[in-house]
N, C-alpha and C. Protein backbone atom coordinates (compact mmCIF):
# COMPACT_ATOMS: atom_id res chain seq x y z
N MET A 1 24.26 -1.82 -4.08
CA MET A 1 24.40 -0.31 -2.91
C MET A 1 23.06 0.25 -2.78
N ALA A 2 22.58 0.78 -1.71
CA ALA A 2 21.82 2.34 -2.46
C ALA A 2 22.04 3.39 -2.78
N CYS A 3 21.08 3.96 -3.33
CA CYS A 3 22.14 5.31 -3.64
C CYS A 3 21.52 6.81 -3.19
N HIS A 4 21.45 7.38 -2.42
CA HIS A 4 20.52 7.69 -1.82
C HIS A 4 21.27 9.81 -2.12
N GLU A 5 20.30 10.56 -2.28
CA GLU A 5 21.22 11.90 -2.24
C GLU A 5 19.73 13.03 -2.28
N THR A 6 20.70 14.37 -1.39
CA THR A 6 19.54 15.21 -0.38
C THR A 6 20.03 16.09 -1.96
N VAL A 7 18.31 16.24 -2.48
CA VAL A 7 18.59 17.12 -3.24
C VAL A 7 17.55 18.56 -2.72
N THR A 8 17.24 19.43 -3.73
CA THR A 8 16.20 20.47 -3.10
C THR A 8 15.11 20.27 -3.97
N CYS A 9 14.40 21.13 -3.14
CA CYS A 9 12.80 20.35 -4.47
C CYS A 9 13.14 22.27 -5.04
N PRO A 10 12.48 21.64 -7.10
CA PRO A 10 12.96 23.18 -7.73
C PRO A 10 11.34 23.85 -7.28
N ARG A 11 10.09 23.52 -6.22
CA ARG A 11 9.04 24.12 -6.50
C ARG A 11 8.98 24.76 -5.40
N CYS A 12 8.65 24.58 -4.12
CA CYS A 12 9.22 24.98 -2.72
C CYS A 12 10.59 24.73 -2.20
N LYS A 13 11.91 24.53 -3.10
CA LYS A 13 13.31 25.02 -2.30
C LYS A 13 13.47 24.18 -0.93
N SER A 14 12.81 22.91 -0.94
CA SER A 14 12.88 22.84 0.37
C SER A 14 14.41 21.28 0.41
N ALA A 15 14.71 20.87 1.14
CA ALA A 15 15.64 19.91 0.87
C ALA A 15 14.75 18.70 1.16
N PHE A 16 14.74 17.27 0.89
CA PHE A 16 14.85 15.64 0.62
C PHE A 16 15.32 14.74 0.70
N GLU A 17 15.42 13.74 0.85
CA GLU A 17 16.50 12.70 0.56
C GLU A 17 15.72 11.77 -0.52
N CYS A 18 16.52 11.97 -2.13
CA CYS A 18 16.21 10.71 -3.28
C CYS A 18 16.64 9.94 -2.93
N ARG A 19 15.42 9.12 -3.67
CA ARG A 19 16.32 7.33 -3.55
C ARG A 19 16.57 6.86 -4.58
N VAL A 20 16.87 7.20 -5.40
CA VAL A 20 16.95 6.81 -7.22
C VAL A 20 17.70 5.56 -6.46
N GLY A 21 18.42 4.95 -5.64
CA GLY A 21 19.03 3.44 -5.56
C GLY A 21 17.74 3.04 -5.44
N THR A 22 16.66 3.72 -4.26
CA THR A 22 16.04 2.29 -3.66
C THR A 22 14.03 2.90 -3.95
N ILE A 23 14.25 3.14 -5.54
CA ILE A 23 12.98 4.03 -5.63
C ILE A 23 11.94 3.82 -4.76
N LEU A 24 11.41 2.06 -4.88
CA LEU A 24 10.45 2.33 -3.97
C LEU A 24 10.57 2.30 -2.86
N ARG A 25 11.04 3.25 -1.83
CA ARG A 25 10.87 3.17 -0.65
C ARG A 25 11.65 5.11 -0.45
N CYS A 26 11.55 5.37 -1.36
CA CYS A 26 11.89 6.99 -2.17
C CYS A 26 10.65 7.35 -2.17
N GLN A 27 10.86 8.82 -0.70
CA GLN A 27 9.47 9.87 -0.36
C GLN A 27 8.67 9.92 -1.47
N CYS A 28 8.49 9.78 -3.06
CA CYS A 28 7.59 10.24 -3.97
C CYS A 28 6.83 9.46 -3.83
N GLN A 29 7.58 7.77 -3.28
CA GLN A 29 6.14 6.86 -3.53
C GLN A 29 5.07 6.89 -3.29
N ALA A 30 4.84 7.54 -1.97
CA ALA A 30 3.86 8.41 -1.09
C ALA A 30 2.22 8.68 -1.95
N VAL A 31 3.01 9.26 -3.14
CA VAL A 31 1.99 9.94 -3.87
C VAL A 31 2.17 9.31 -5.29
N PRO A 32 0.89 8.12 -5.39
CA PRO A 32 0.42 8.11 -6.74
C PRO A 32 0.16 8.95 -7.74
N LEU A 33 1.16 8.55 -8.67
CA LEU A 33 0.58 9.43 -9.97
C LEU A 33 0.28 8.71 -11.27
N THR A 34 -1.00 9.16 -12.10
CA THR A 34 -1.45 8.32 -13.67
C THR A 34 -0.44 9.06 -14.85
N ALA A 35 -0.17 8.67 -15.82
CA ALA A 35 1.40 8.44 -16.71
C ALA A 35 0.77 10.28 -16.88
N GLU A 36 -0.24 10.58 -17.02
CA GLU A 36 -0.93 12.18 -17.63
C GLU A 36 -0.50 12.62 -16.53
N GLU A 37 -0.53 12.50 -15.14
CA GLU A 37 -0.01 14.01 -14.32
C GLU A 37 1.61 13.71 -13.86
N ARG A 38 2.03 11.88 -14.36
CA ARG A 38 3.62 12.33 -14.22
C ARG A 38 4.07 13.54 -15.06
N GLN A 39 3.73 13.30 -16.45
CA GLN A 39 3.44 13.66 -17.78
C GLN A 39 3.20 15.56 -17.80
N TYR A 40 2.32 16.21 -16.93
CA TYR A 40 1.61 17.39 -16.47
C TYR A 40 2.95 17.83 -15.68
N ILE A 41 3.56 16.97 -14.68
CA ILE A 41 4.85 17.34 -13.90
C ILE A 41 6.11 17.11 -14.25
N SER A 42 6.40 16.39 -15.23
CA SER A 42 7.75 16.35 -16.15
C SER A 42 7.80 18.16 -16.80
N GLU A 43 6.52 18.78 -17.97
CA GLU A 43 6.89 19.35 -18.65
C GLU A 43 7.11 20.92 -17.76
N GLN A 44 7.17 21.11 -16.53
CA GLN A 44 6.93 22.17 -15.31
C GLN A 44 8.52 22.34 -14.98
N TYR A 45 8.74 20.73 -14.51
CA TYR A 45 9.75 20.78 -13.41
C TYR A 45 10.55 19.33 -13.71
N SER A 46 12.50 20.30 -14.10
CA SER A 46 13.05 18.99 -14.54
C SER A 46 13.42 17.92 -13.14
N GLY A 47 13.57 18.51 -11.89
CA GLY A 47 13.88 17.61 -11.00
C GLY A 47 13.08 17.09 -10.12
N CYS A 48 13.92 16.06 -9.35
CA CYS A 48 12.23 15.71 -8.51
C CYS A 48 11.87 16.58 -7.26
N LEU A 49 10.62 16.22 -7.27
CA LEU A 49 10.04 17.20 -5.98
C LEU A 49 9.59 16.49 -5.07
N CYS A 50 9.51 17.39 -4.01
CA CYS A 50 9.54 16.40 -2.93
C CYS A 50 7.66 16.19 -2.47
N ALA A 51 7.02 15.18 -1.60
CA ALA A 51 6.22 14.56 -1.82
C ALA A 51 4.88 15.49 -1.78
N ASP A 52 5.48 16.83 -1.54
CA ASP A 52 3.97 17.63 -0.64
C ASP A 52 4.16 17.78 -2.20
N CYS A 53 5.27 18.42 -2.89
CA CYS A 53 4.73 19.38 -3.86
C CYS A 53 3.86 18.95 -4.92
N LEU A 54 4.06 17.45 -4.65
CA LEU A 54 4.07 16.44 -5.80
C LEU A 54 2.75 16.47 -5.30
N GLN A 55 1.61 15.79 -4.57
CA GLN A 55 0.62 15.54 -3.97
C GLN A 55 0.49 17.75 -4.47
N ALA A 56 1.10 18.96 -4.58
CA ALA A 56 -0.26 20.05 -4.40
C ALA A 56 -0.39 19.91 -6.26
N VAL A 57 0.62 19.80 -7.08
CA VAL A 57 0.70 19.59 -8.09
C VAL A 57 0.24 18.33 -8.68
N LYS A 58 -0.34 17.61 -8.64
CA LYS A 58 -1.40 16.65 -8.79
C LYS A 58 -2.68 17.56 -8.68
N SER A 59 -2.71 17.87 -6.89
CA SER A 59 -3.93 18.46 -7.09
C SER A 59 -4.36 19.90 -7.90
N SER A 60 -3.30 20.03 -8.62
CA SER A 60 -3.30 21.61 -9.79
C SER A 60 -3.80 21.12 -10.33
N TYR A 61 -2.84 20.03 -10.59
CA TYR A 61 -3.08 18.82 -12.43
C TYR A 61 -5.39 18.86 -11.88
N LYS A 62 -5.83 17.74 -11.32
CA LYS A 62 -6.59 17.67 -11.41
C LYS A 62 -7.71 19.01 -11.59
N GLN A 63 -7.42 19.50 -10.97
CA GLN A 63 -8.91 21.49 -10.71
C GLN A 63 -8.53 21.17 -11.67
N GLU A 64 -7.46 21.39 -12.72
CA GLU A 64 -7.43 22.11 -14.33
C GLU A 64 -7.64 21.57 -15.00
N LYS A 65 -7.92 19.71 -14.76
CA LYS A 65 -8.91 18.91 -16.06
C LYS A 65 -10.38 19.13 -15.25
N PHE A 66 -10.46 19.27 -14.46
CA PHE A 66 -11.88 19.31 -13.39
C PHE A 66 -12.95 20.30 -14.35
N ARG A 67 -11.72 21.61 -14.54
CA ARG A 67 -12.05 23.28 -15.22
C ARG A 67 -12.52 22.75 -16.16
N GLN A 68 -11.68 22.09 -17.25
CA GLN A 68 -11.60 22.07 -18.34
C GLN A 68 -12.49 21.40 -18.91
N ARG A 69 -13.23 20.12 -17.95
CA ARG A 69 -13.89 19.68 -18.40
C ARG A 69 -15.83 20.43 -18.42
N LEU A 70 -16.05 21.45 -17.21
CA LEU A 70 -16.32 21.98 -17.29
C LEU A 70 -16.71 22.93 -17.95
N GLN A 71 -16.35 23.48 -19.12
CA GLN A 71 -16.04 24.21 -19.37
C GLN A 71 -16.69 23.83 -20.84
N GLN A 72 -15.23 22.39 -20.98
CA GLN A 72 -16.61 22.29 -22.35
C GLN A 72 -17.83 21.82 -22.41
N VAL A 73 -18.74 21.21 -20.94
CA VAL A 73 -19.66 20.89 -20.54
C VAL A 73 -20.95 22.57 -20.61
N PHE A 74 -20.11 24.03 -20.37
CA PHE A 74 -20.99 25.06 -20.70
C PHE A 74 -21.19 25.47 -22.14
N THR A 75 -19.90 24.99 -23.03
CA THR A 75 -19.86 25.26 -24.28
C THR A 75 -21.11 24.42 -25.12
N LEU A 76 -20.79 23.32 -24.58
CA LEU A 76 -21.67 22.30 -25.06
C LEU A 76 -23.24 22.65 -25.05
N PHE A 77 -23.61 22.79 -23.52
CA PHE A 77 -24.71 23.74 -23.91
C PHE A 77 -25.32 24.89 -23.64
N GLY A 78 -24.32 25.69 -24.44
CA GLY A 78 -24.49 27.12 -24.54
C GLY A 78 -24.88 27.44 -25.95
N LYS A 79 -24.70 26.41 -26.65
CA LYS A 79 -24.66 26.43 -27.79
C LYS A 79 -26.34 25.26 -28.72
N ARG A 80 -26.40 24.75 -27.81
CA ARG A 80 -28.00 24.83 -27.84
C ARG A 80 -29.13 25.98 -27.80
């Protein structure tokens, strides 16, 4: 029997159905995440996020990583 539960997203406070019992049919499966993205999200939130927030946090993570890489490049060229 599938275990479905209505939960509140800790980021946006909206309610959504978490399908932990049938995870492949859960709304979170619409947002593919790398291991690094999963780690980043788990460090900030203890519960499941809705798909919209997963996408938003994933985008923020990518932007932060890009900013860090740019900073490394600027630092590297600034030392020459």
